[in-house]
Amino acid sequence: MSQTPDLSTLMPERDGEGYLIEPADWNEEVAQALAEEANIQLNDDHWDVIRFMRDYFEEHQVIADARFVIKHLAERMGKEAHKKLFDLFPYGYVKQACMIAGMRRPRAWSTG
């Protein structure tokens, strides 16, 4: 029987709200731990959003605005993309998706 690793030893430094201080410290195990804290069971659609966000950040060095993620999802899901994003992350794009993807908290956005 395998033991679950102590997530606190895997977790990079975070700010007072739980966002990573340094996005480069993120990995998929960190994402899994953050999702568990948020009571989210990651599935393929979650990972699609998270990987898109990480790729966007790597390319542009800024966090993808939710509209870019919705546009990405719309390529697969059509008009349901906006609803799907908020079904995946019910407490909001900034509060859950950005946090789980290892982004710093976007200061200019609402916490929606």
Protein backbone atom coordinates (compact mmCIF):
# COMPACT_ATOMS: atom_id res chain seq x y z
CA MET A 1 0.00 0.00 0.00
CA SER A 2 1.50 3.33 -1.05
CA GLN A 3 1.41 6.32 1.24
CA THR A 4 0.32 9.75 0.10
CA PRO A 5 3.30 12.11 0.29
CA ASP A 6 3.20 14.97 2.77
CA LEU A 7 1.95 17.78 0.57
CA SER A 8 3.45 20.46 2.80
CA THR A 9 6.94 19.28 1.86
CA LEU A 10 6.11 19.55 -1.85
CA MET A 11 4.57 23.00 -1.65
CA PRO A 12 6.65 25.98 -2.77
CA GLU A 13 6.44 29.26 -0.88
CA ARG A 14 3.05 30.98 -1.13
CA ASP A 15 1.67 34.40 -0.29
CA GLY A 16 -0.91 35.01 2.42
CA GLU A 17 -3.75 34.16 0.04
CA GLY A 18 -2.22 30.85 -1.07
CA TYR A 19 -0.83 31.86 -4.48
CA LEU A 20 2.70 30.81 -5.41
CA ILE A 21 5.32 33.49 -4.89
CA GLU A 22 7.30 32.22 -7.87
CA PRO A 23 5.37 30.63 -10.78
CA ALA A 24 8.55 28.79 -11.88
CA ASP A 25 8.26 26.66 -8.70
CA TRP A 26 5.05 25.09 -10.04
CA ASN A 27 4.76 21.49 -11.22
CA GLU A 28 1.86 19.08 -11.67
CA GLU A 29 2.22 17.69 -8.15
CA VAL A 30 1.88 21.23 -6.78
CA ALA A 31 -1.21 21.71 -8.97
CA GLN A 32 -2.69 18.50 -7.59
CA ALA A 33 -2.05 19.61 -4.00
CA LEU A 34 -3.56 23.06 -4.65
CA ALA A 35 -6.61 21.48 -6.29
CA GLU A 36 -7.08 19.17 -3.30
CA GLU A 37 -7.01 22.18 -0.98
CA ALA A 38 -9.74 23.74 -3.16
CA ASN A 39 -11.75 20.49 -3.13
CA ILE A 40 -11.36 20.09 -6.89
CA GLN A 41 -10.79 16.69 -8.46
CA LEU A 42 -8.73 17.49 -11.56
CA ASN A 43 -9.91 15.88 -14.79
CA ASP A 44 -8.77 16.21 -18.42
CA ASP A 45 -10.67 19.47 -18.91
CA HIS A 46 -9.04 21.02 -15.84
CA TRP A 47 -5.61 19.95 -17.09
CA ASP A 48 -6.37 21.39 -20.53
CA VAL A 49 -7.06 24.79 -18.95
CA ILE A 50 -4.07 24.59 -16.60
CA ARG A 51 -1.65 23.59 -19.36
CA PHE A 52 -2.98 26.32 -21.64
CA MET A 53 -2.44 28.86 -18.84
CA ARG A 54 1.09 27.60 -18.19
CA ASP A 55 1.97 27.66 -21.90
CA TYR A 56 0.54 31.17 -22.26
CA PHE A 57 2.55 32.35 -19.25
CA GLU A 58 5.75 30.79 -20.62
CA GLU A 59 5.24 32.46 -24.00
CA HIS A 60 4.05 35.91 -22.86
CA GLN A 61 5.33 36.18 -19.26
CA VAL A 62 1.88 37.36 -18.16
CA ILE A 63 -1.14 35.51 -16.86
CA ALA A 64 -3.73 34.63 -19.48
CA ASP A 65 -6.88 36.67 -19.06
CA ALA A 66 -9.98 34.47 -18.67
CA ARG A 67 -11.18 35.53 -22.14
CA PHE A 68 -8.10 33.85 -23.70
CA VAL A 69 -8.83 30.65 -21.80
CA ILE A 70 -12.47 30.80 -22.88
CA LYS A 71 -11.38 31.30 -26.49
CA HIS A 72 -9.08 28.26 -26.14
CA LEU A 73 -11.92 26.15 -24.71
CA ALA A 74 -14.32 27.37 -27.41
CA GLU A 75 -12.18 25.67 -30.05
CA ARG A 76 -13.30 22.36 -28.51
CA MET A 77 -16.58 23.22 -26.81
CA GLY A 78 -18.11 26.04 -28.80
CA LYS A 79 -20.52 28.38 -27.06
CA GLU A 80 -20.44 26.38 -23.83
CA ALA A 81 -16.82 27.40 -23.13
CA HIS A 82 -17.61 30.28 -20.75
CA LYS A 83 -19.97 28.14 -18.70
CA LYS A 84 -17.51 25.25 -18.76
CA LEU A 85 -14.67 27.37 -17.35
CA PHE A 86 -16.81 28.35 -14.39
CA ASP A 87 -18.13 24.80 -13.97
CA LEU A 88 -14.51 23.62 -13.71
CA PHE A 89 -13.52 26.39 -11.30
CA PRO A 90 -16.75 27.33 -9.48
CA TYR A 91 -15.14 29.89 -7.16
CA GLY A 92 -13.75 31.80 -10.12
CA TYR A 93 -10.95 31.98 -12.59
CA VAL A 94 -8.65 34.04 -10.37
CA LYS A 95 -9.45 32.31 -7.09
CA GLN A 96 -9.06 28.75 -8.36
CA ALA A 97 -7.71 28.43 -11.90
CA CYS A 98 -4.88 30.95 -11.47
CA MET A 99 -3.97 29.53 -8.08
CA ILE A 100 -3.92 25.88 -9.21
CA ALA A 101 -1.95 26.81 -12.36
CA GLY A 102 0.72 28.34 -10.11
CA MET A 103 0.22 31.97 -11.06
CA ARG A 104 0.77 34.90 -8.74
CA ARG A 105 -2.50 36.53 -7.72
CA PRO A 106 -3.46 39.00 -10.43
CA ARG A 107 -3.66 42.30 -8.53
CA ALA A 108 -5.69 44.28 -11.06
CA TRP A 109 -8.48 41.71 -11.41
CA SER A 110 -11.42 40.99 -9.19
CA THR A 111 -11.25 37.84 -7.11
CA GLY A 112 -14.25 36.48 -9.07
